[in-house]
Amino acid sequence: MAGVRILAIESSCDETAAAVVEDGRRVLSNIISSQIDIHTLYGGVVPEIASRKHTERICNVVSEALSAAGTGLADIDAVAVTYGPGLVGALLVGVSYAKGLAYAAKKPLVGVHHIEGHICANLIDHPELEPPFLSLVVSGGHTTLVRVCDYNSLEVLGVTRDDAAGEAFDKVARAIGLGYPGGPKIDKISNEGDPDAIDFPRAKVGDAPYDFSFSGLKSAVLNYLNKCRMSGEEINVANVAASFQKAVVDSLCERVDLGLSELGDKVFALAGGVAANKHLRAGLEEVCKKNGVSFYCPKPVYCTDNAAMIGAAAYYEYMAGVRHGLDLNAMPSLKLGERI
């Protein structure tokens, strides 16, 4: 079946997004309404404000996506929406709107896992990419190493036991006075610092070599800052940022290196908001080069939350016969690979 057009909606956190994607790879439109300026005032995402802003913007964002794609609901084959994981109130706005739209237009409804969307962002930028491949998803709420066995078959190898990498970036950035969002600010100021200035820990999970842990690293940074302040020692913010970032990147690269060497995959794909981090990209490219593996990563607009990636993932669900009813609900803690 060719020419399958899917209208996709994403509202899992603080971006209200809609896109029209054809055949899972061709983006006809990709509209994103960001709330970052609002949440920056509070030092992080405020769930209630995020939900309210989604409600205000979703109608216009969907209309704009259809208009930019030069299509109408009559030409859409299915309506897709992120139904988890994420902030429950934010998810509910998108799910409710998508259900109403699908019902009114008499179109099939396809619910999509947010993390599967991030992985599929690579399929948009790289038409030649096909499973199987190893993928690392690194975002504000998730750090997951997964083997993509097929378009609809995933094997989770490792997850974070506590803080996600992006969450740790935000908390450390706040502690050293950089503000929100932390990832881009730490990435930028790290260029001015010495990544070997401070020896922060790299945690390992003894019984699960692919799992991650960043809570101890975050605490080590906070303890270092407190010690400096108590002793009157000057804090070099760039050195703290660079040393912290190196510890995160080293931990991520170590797990990917282990996965590539043990599993023998010849293709690796990075995904998620933290995938835009230049130091992480460079580190993982080196790991892939060492293992003789092809490295893939989406361009920045497809790294952060967007609806085009949801449309890409939805296409393969749709082609596999996945359909959801009007009882589809938001699932804030939806596990990767879990289906309803």
Protein backbone atom coordinates (compact mmCIF):
# COMPACT_ATOMS: atom_id res chain seq x y z
CA MET A 1 0.00 0.00 0.00
CA ALA A 2 1.55 3.31 -1.09
CA GLY A 3 0.63 6.89 -0.28
CA VAL A 4 -0.57 6.22 3.29
CA ARG A 5 -0.99 9.58 5.00
CA ILE A 6 -1.17 9.84 8.76
CA LEU A 7 -2.08 12.89 10.80
CA ALA A 8 -0.07 12.63 14.02
CA ILE A 9 -0.46 14.47 17.33
CA GLU A 10 2.13 14.76 20.12
CA SER A 11 1.48 16.39 23.52
CA SER A 12 3.34 14.26 26.05
CA CYS A 13 5.22 17.12 27.73
CA ASP A 14 5.53 20.80 26.82
CA GLU A 15 5.38 20.81 23.01
CA THR A 16 2.03 20.86 21.24
CA ALA A 17 2.80 19.26 17.89
CA ALA A 18 1.03 17.93 14.80
CA ALA A 19 2.36 16.54 11.54
CA VAL A 20 1.28 14.82 8.36
CA VAL A 21 3.57 11.95 7.36
CA GLU A 22 3.33 9.84 4.21
CA ASP A 23 4.45 6.20 4.15
CA GLY A 24 6.30 6.58 7.43
CA ARG A 25 9.24 8.43 5.90
CA ARG A 26 8.08 11.52 4.02
CA VAL A 27 7.15 14.52 6.20
CA LEU A 28 4.56 16.71 4.52
CA SER A 29 4.27 19.05 7.51
CA ASN A 30 5.66 19.24 11.04
CA ILE A 31 4.26 21.97 13.29
CA ILE A 32 5.60 22.47 16.83
CA SER A 33 4.31 24.99 19.35
CA SER A 34 6.86 25.14 22.17
CA GLN A 35 6.11 26.26 25.72
CA ILE A 36 9.76 26.59 26.69
CA ASP A 37 9.61 30.35 27.37
CA ILE A 38 6.79 29.87 29.88
CA HIS A 39 8.38 26.98 31.78
CA THR A 40 11.80 28.67 31.83
CA LEU A 41 10.27 31.19 34.27
CA TYR A 42 9.69 28.33 36.74
CA GLY A 43 12.96 26.47 36.17
CA GLY A 44 11.25 23.42 34.67
CA VAL A 45 8.01 22.06 33.24
CA VAL A 46 4.92 22.81 35.34
CA PRO A 47 2.45 20.00 34.43
CA GLU A 48 -0.73 22.01 35.01
CA ILE A 49 0.47 24.92 32.88
CA ALA A 50 1.56 22.50 30.16
CA SER A 51 -1.91 20.91 30.03
CA ARG A 52 -3.61 24.30 29.86
CA LYS A 53 -1.38 25.49 27.02
CA HIS A 54 -1.95 22.27 25.06
CA THR A 55 -5.70 22.86 25.34
CA GLU A 56 -5.29 26.41 24.05
CA ARG A 57 -3.07 25.52 21.10
CA ILE A 58 -3.93 22.05 19.84
CA CYS A 59 -6.76 23.04 17.51
CA ASN A 60 -4.67 25.65 15.68
CA VAL A 61 -1.60 23.42 15.54
CA VAL A 62 -3.55 20.56 13.91
CA SER A 63 -5.21 22.93 11.44
CA GLU A 64 -1.84 24.40 10.55
CA ALA A 65 -0.36 20.94 10.00
CA LEU A 66 -3.12 19.98 7.58
CA SER A 67 -2.84 23.30 5.78
CA ALA A 68 0.97 23.13 5.48
CA ALA A 69 0.67 19.61 4.06
CA GLY A 70 -1.84 20.83 1.50
CA THR A 71 -4.34 18.21 2.56
CA GLY A 72 -7.59 17.81 4.42
CA LEU A 73 -9.03 15.21 6.76
CA ALA A 74 -10.70 13.47 3.83
CA ASP A 75 -7.26 12.61 2.41
CA ILE A 76 -5.91 11.29 5.72
CA ASP A 77 -5.81 7.50 6.19
CA ALA A 78 -5.50 7.51 9.98
CA VAL A 79 -5.15 9.73 13.04
CA ALA A 80 -2.22 8.90 15.34
CA VAL A 81 -1.50 10.17 18.83
CA THR A 82 1.03 9.70 21.63
CA TYR A 83 -0.75 7.99 24.52
CA GLY A 84 2.24 7.38 26.78
CA PRO A 85 4.52 7.75 28.54
CA GLY A 86 4.50 11.38 29.64
CA LEU A 87 2.63 13.88 31.81
CA VAL A 88 -0.88 12.52 32.29
CA GLY A 89 -2.69 15.84 31.85
CA ALA A 90 -0.68 16.75 28.76
CA LEU A 91 -1.24 13.31 27.22
CA LEU A 92 -4.98 13.51 27.88
CA VAL A 93 -5.29 16.69 25.82
CA GLY A 94 -3.77 15.03 22.75
CA VAL A 95 -5.55 11.70 23.20
CA SER A 96 -8.95 13.36 23.70
CA TYR A 97 -8.51 15.60 20.68
CA ALA A 98 -7.31 12.73 18.47
CA LYS A 99 -10.24 10.52 19.50
CA GLY A 100 -12.73 13.27 18.71
CA LEU A 101 -11.07 13.98 15.37
CA ALA A 102 -10.94 10.31 14.36
CA TYR A 103 -14.59 9.80 15.33
CA ALA A 104 -15.81 12.90 13.49
CA ALA A 105 -13.78 12.14 10.35
CA LYS A 106 -14.53 8.39 10.50
CA LYS A 107 -10.82 7.56 10.41
CA PRO A 108 -8.89 4.79 12.21
CA LEU A 109 -7.17 5.78 15.46
CA VAL A 110 -3.62 4.58 16.19
CA GLY A 111 -2.00 5.13 19.60
CA VAL A 112 1.79 5.44 19.61
CA HIS A 113 4.43 4.93 22.30
CA HIS A 114 6.43 8.14 22.71
CA ILE A 115 9.81 6.39 22.88
CA GLU A 116 9.08 4.31 19.78
CA GLY A 117 8.42 7.64 18.10
CA HIS A 118 11.87 8.91 19.08
CA ILE A 119 13.49 5.79 17.63
CA CYS A 120 11.52 6.17 14.39
CA ALA A 121 12.72 9.78 14.01
CA ASN A 122 15.82 8.21 12.47
CA LEU A 123 13.71 6.67 9.71
CA ILE A 124 12.65 10.14 8.54
CA ASP A 125 16.17 11.49 8.04
CA HIS A 126 17.67 8.21 6.84
CA PRO A 127 15.44 6.44 4.27
CA GLU A 128 18.00 3.65 3.92
CA LEU A 129 17.83 2.73 7.62
CA GLU A 130 16.06 -0.55 8.33
CA PRO A 131 15.98 -2.95 11.32
CA PRO A 132 17.69 -4.66 12.96
CA PHE A 133 19.77 -2.05 14.79
CA LEU A 134 20.79 -0.98 18.28
CA SER A 135 19.32 2.28 19.55
CA LEU A 136 19.94 4.55 22.53
CA VAL A 137 17.10 6.89 23.52
CA VAL A 138 18.27 9.75 25.76
CA SER A 139 15.78 12.42 26.82
CA GLY A 140 14.55 14.42 29.79
CA GLY A 141 12.46 11.54 31.07
CA HIS A 142 14.06 8.45 29.55
CA THR A 143 17.40 6.72 29.09
CA THR A 144 16.92 3.39 27.34
CA LEU A 145 19.14 1.04 25.35
CA VAL A 146 16.99 -1.01 23.00
CA ARG A 147 17.48 -3.44 20.15
CA VAL A 148 15.12 -2.76 17.27
CA CYS A 149 14.57 -6.28 15.94
CA ASP A 150 11.90 -5.23 13.43
CA TYR A 151 9.55 -2.30 12.87
CA ASN A 152 7.10 -3.65 15.44
CA SER A 153 9.47 -5.68 17.59
CA LEU A 154 11.72 -4.20 20.29
CA GLU A 155 13.96 -5.75 22.92
CA VAL A 156 14.76 -3.50 25.88
CA LEU A 157 18.33 -4.13 27.04
CA GLY A 158 18.81 -1.45 29.66
CA VAL A 159 16.96 1.40 31.38
CA THR A 160 17.81 4.02 33.97
CA ARG A 161 17.30 2.93 37.56
CA ASP A 162 16.67 6.49 38.76
CA ASP A 163 17.16 9.86 37.02
CA ALA A 164 17.15 10.02 33.24
CA ALA A 165 20.24 11.62 31.69
CA GLY A 166 18.28 14.68 30.53
CA GLU A 167 16.76 15.08 33.98
CA ALA A 168 20.25 15.04 35.51
CA PHE A 169 21.35 17.71 33.03
CA ASP A 170 18.46 19.95 34.08
CA LYS A 171 19.07 19.49 37.82
CA VAL A 172 22.81 20.11 37.59
CA ALA A 173 22.30 23.14 35.33
CA ARG A 174 19.93 24.59 37.91
CA ALA A 175 22.44 23.92 40.71
CA ILE A 176 25.26 25.78 38.94
CA GLY A 177 23.02 28.69 38.00
CA LEU A 178 22.55 28.04 34.28
CA GLY A 179 18.76 27.69 34.41
CA TYR A 180 16.34 25.72 32.25
CA PRO A 181 16.59 23.92 29.86
CA GLY A 182 19.82 22.47 31.21
CA GLY A 183 21.04 20.25 28.36
CA PRO A 184 21.81 22.91 25.73
CA LYS A 185 23.26 25.29 28.34
CA ILE A 186 25.66 22.68 29.76
CA ASP A 187 26.63 21.55 26.26
CA LYS A 188 27.53 25.13 25.34
CA ILE A 189 29.44 26.20 28.47
CA SER A 190 31.33 22.88 28.54
CA ASN A 191 33.33 24.10 25.57
CA GLU A 192 34.97 26.62 27.92
CA GLY A 193 35.76 24.08 30.65
CA ASP A 194 38.14 21.22 31.37
CA PRO A 195 36.29 17.88 31.30
CA ASP A 196 39.04 16.30 33.41
CA ALA A 197 39.08 19.00 36.09
CA ILE A 198 36.82 17.07 38.50
CA ASP A 199 36.60 13.30 38.76
CA PHE A 200 32.86 12.65 39.09
CA PRO A 201 31.69 9.00 39.47
CA ARG A 202 30.38 6.74 36.70
CA ALA A 203 27.84 4.44 38.28
CA LYS A 204 27.45 0.79 37.29
CA VAL A 205 24.55 -1.51 38.13
CA GLY A 206 26.18 -4.79 39.14
CA ASP A 207 23.38 -7.19 38.21
CA ALA A 208 22.39 -5.38 35.00
CA PRO A 209 25.38 -4.20 32.92
CA TYR A 210 23.17 -2.38 30.38
CA ASP A 211 21.25 -0.36 32.99
CA PHE A 212 22.02 3.27 33.81
CA SER A 213 22.09 5.32 37.02
CA PHE A 214 22.61 9.08 37.22
CA SER A 215 21.27 9.92 40.68
CA GLY A 216 24.64 9.29 42.34
CA LEU A 217 26.42 11.46 39.78
CA LYS A 218 23.92 14.28 40.36
CA SER A 219 24.44 13.99 44.12
CA ALA A 220 28.22 14.02 43.67
CA VAL A 221 27.98 17.31 41.78
CA LEU A 222 25.73 18.83 44.47
CA ASN A 223 28.10 17.65 47.21
CA TYR A 224 31.06 19.17 45.36
CA LEU A 225 29.26 22.50 45.03
CA ASN A 226 28.28 22.50 48.73
CA LYS A 227 31.83 21.67 49.79
CA CYS A 228 33.22 24.54 47.71
CA ARG A 229 30.70 27.00 49.13
CA MET A 230 31.33 25.92 52.72
CA SER A 231 35.11 26.25 52.32
CA GLY A 232 34.88 29.51 50.38
CA GLU A 233 36.48 27.91 47.33
CA GLU A 234 35.71 29.52 43.98
CA ILE A 235 33.50 27.40 41.71
CA ASN A 236 34.51 27.19 38.07
CA VAL A 237 31.09 26.64 36.47
CA ALA A 238 32.53 25.67 33.08
CA ASN A 239 34.75 23.00 34.67
CA VAL A 240 31.86 21.59 36.70
CA ALA A 241 29.65 21.47 33.61
CA ALA A 242 32.34 19.89 31.42
CA SER A 243 33.30 17.29 34.04
CA PHE A 244 29.67 16.37 34.73
CA GLN A 245 28.89 16.10 31.02
CA LYS A 246 31.93 13.88 30.44
CA ALA A 247 30.75 11.53 33.20
CA VAL A 248 27.30 11.24 31.57
CA VAL A 249 28.71 10.75 28.07
CA ASP A 250 31.22 8.16 29.30
CA SER A 251 28.44 6.16 30.98
CA LEU A 252 26.25 6.21 27.88
CA CYS A 253 29.10 5.34 25.53
CA GLU A 254 30.23 2.47 27.76
CA ARG A 255 26.80 0.76 27.59
CA VAL A 256 26.55 1.24 23.83
CA ASP A 257 30.08 -0.12 23.34
CA LEU A 258 29.18 -3.19 25.40
CA GLY A 259 25.97 -3.74 23.43
CA LEU A 260 27.65 -3.45 20.05
CA SER A 261 30.50 -5.78 21.00
CA GLU A 262 28.26 -8.43 22.58
CA LEU A 263 25.32 -8.39 20.16
CA GLY A 264 27.23 -7.84 16.94
CA ASP A 265 24.86 -5.27 15.42
CA LYS A 266 26.36 -3.30 12.55
CA VAL A 267 23.99 -0.33 12.78
CA PHE A 268 23.43 2.08 15.68
CA ALA A 269 20.85 4.88 15.98
CA LEU A 270 20.81 7.63 18.62
CA ALA A 271 17.48 9.27 19.51
CA GLY A 272 15.79 11.62 21.98
CA GLY A 273 16.23 15.24 23.02
CA VAL A 274 19.73 14.74 24.49
CA ALA A 275 20.79 13.31 21.11
CA ALA A 276 21.27 16.95 20.07
CA ASN A 277 24.23 17.15 22.49
CA LYS A 278 27.38 17.57 20.37
CA HIS A 279 29.69 15.86 22.87
CA LEU A 280 27.42 12.82 23.12
CA ARG A 281 27.18 12.53 19.34
CA ALA A 282 30.96 12.76 18.99
CA GLY A 283 31.52 10.14 21.71
CA LEU A 284 29.09 7.67 20.21
CA GLU A 285 30.45 8.21 16.71
CA GLU A 286 33.87 7.19 18.06
CA VAL A 287 32.35 4.08 19.67
CA CYS A 288 30.70 3.13 16.38
CA LYS A 289 33.89 3.75 14.42
CA LYS A 290 35.82 1.51 16.83
CA ASN A 291 33.28 -1.29 16.37
CA GLY A 292 32.95 -0.87 12.59
CA VAL A 293 29.31 0.17 12.97
CA SER A 294 27.23 2.68 10.97
CA PHE A 295 26.11 5.65 13.09
CA TYR A 296 22.73 7.33 12.62
CA CYS A 297 21.15 10.30 14.38
CA PRO A 298 18.25 12.59 13.41
CA LYS A 299 18.79 16.29 12.86
CA PRO A 300 17.95 18.43 15.94
CA VAL A 301 14.34 19.21 14.97
CA TYR A 302 13.56 15.48 15.08
CA CYS A 303 15.54 14.88 18.29
CA THR A 304 13.27 16.97 20.51
CA ASP A 305 9.56 16.15 20.85
CA ASN A 306 7.71 16.44 17.55
CA ALA A 307 4.75 14.83 15.80
CA ALA A 308 6.57 13.73 12.64
CA MET A 309 8.30 10.96 14.61
CA ILE A 310 4.89 9.86 15.93
CA GLY A 311 3.57 9.72 12.37
CA ALA A 312 6.57 7.61 11.31
CA ALA A 313 6.02 5.12 14.14
CA ALA A 314 2.26 5.09 13.55
CA TYR A 315 2.70 4.08 9.90
CA TYR A 316 4.29 0.75 10.86
CA GLU A 317 1.64 0.16 13.53
CA TYR A 318 -1.09 0.97 11.00
CA MET A 319 0.41 -1.37 8.40
CA ALA A 320 0.54 -4.12 11.04
CA GLY A 321 -3.19 -3.71 11.61
CA VAL A 322 -3.03 -1.84 14.93
CA ARG A 323 -6.24 0.08 15.63
CA HIS A 324 -7.44 1.66 18.86
CA GLY A 325 -10.97 2.36 19.98
CA LEU A 326 -12.50 5.40 21.60
CA ASP A 327 -11.63 3.88 24.98
CA LEU A 328 -7.95 4.69 24.36
CA ASN A 329 -6.62 6.42 27.45
CA ALA A 330 -3.47 8.29 28.46
CA MET A 331 -0.89 5.98 30.05
CA PRO A 332 1.78 8.13 31.74
CA SER A 333 3.90 5.13 32.82
CA LEU A 334 3.59 3.07 29.61
CA LYS A 335 6.55 0.72 29.30
CA LEU A 336 8.50 0.37 26.07
CA GLY A 337 7.19 -2.58 24.07
CA GLU A 338 3.93 -2.65 26.05
CA ARG A 339 0.80 -2.78 23.90
CA ILE A 340 -2.89 -2.25 24.66
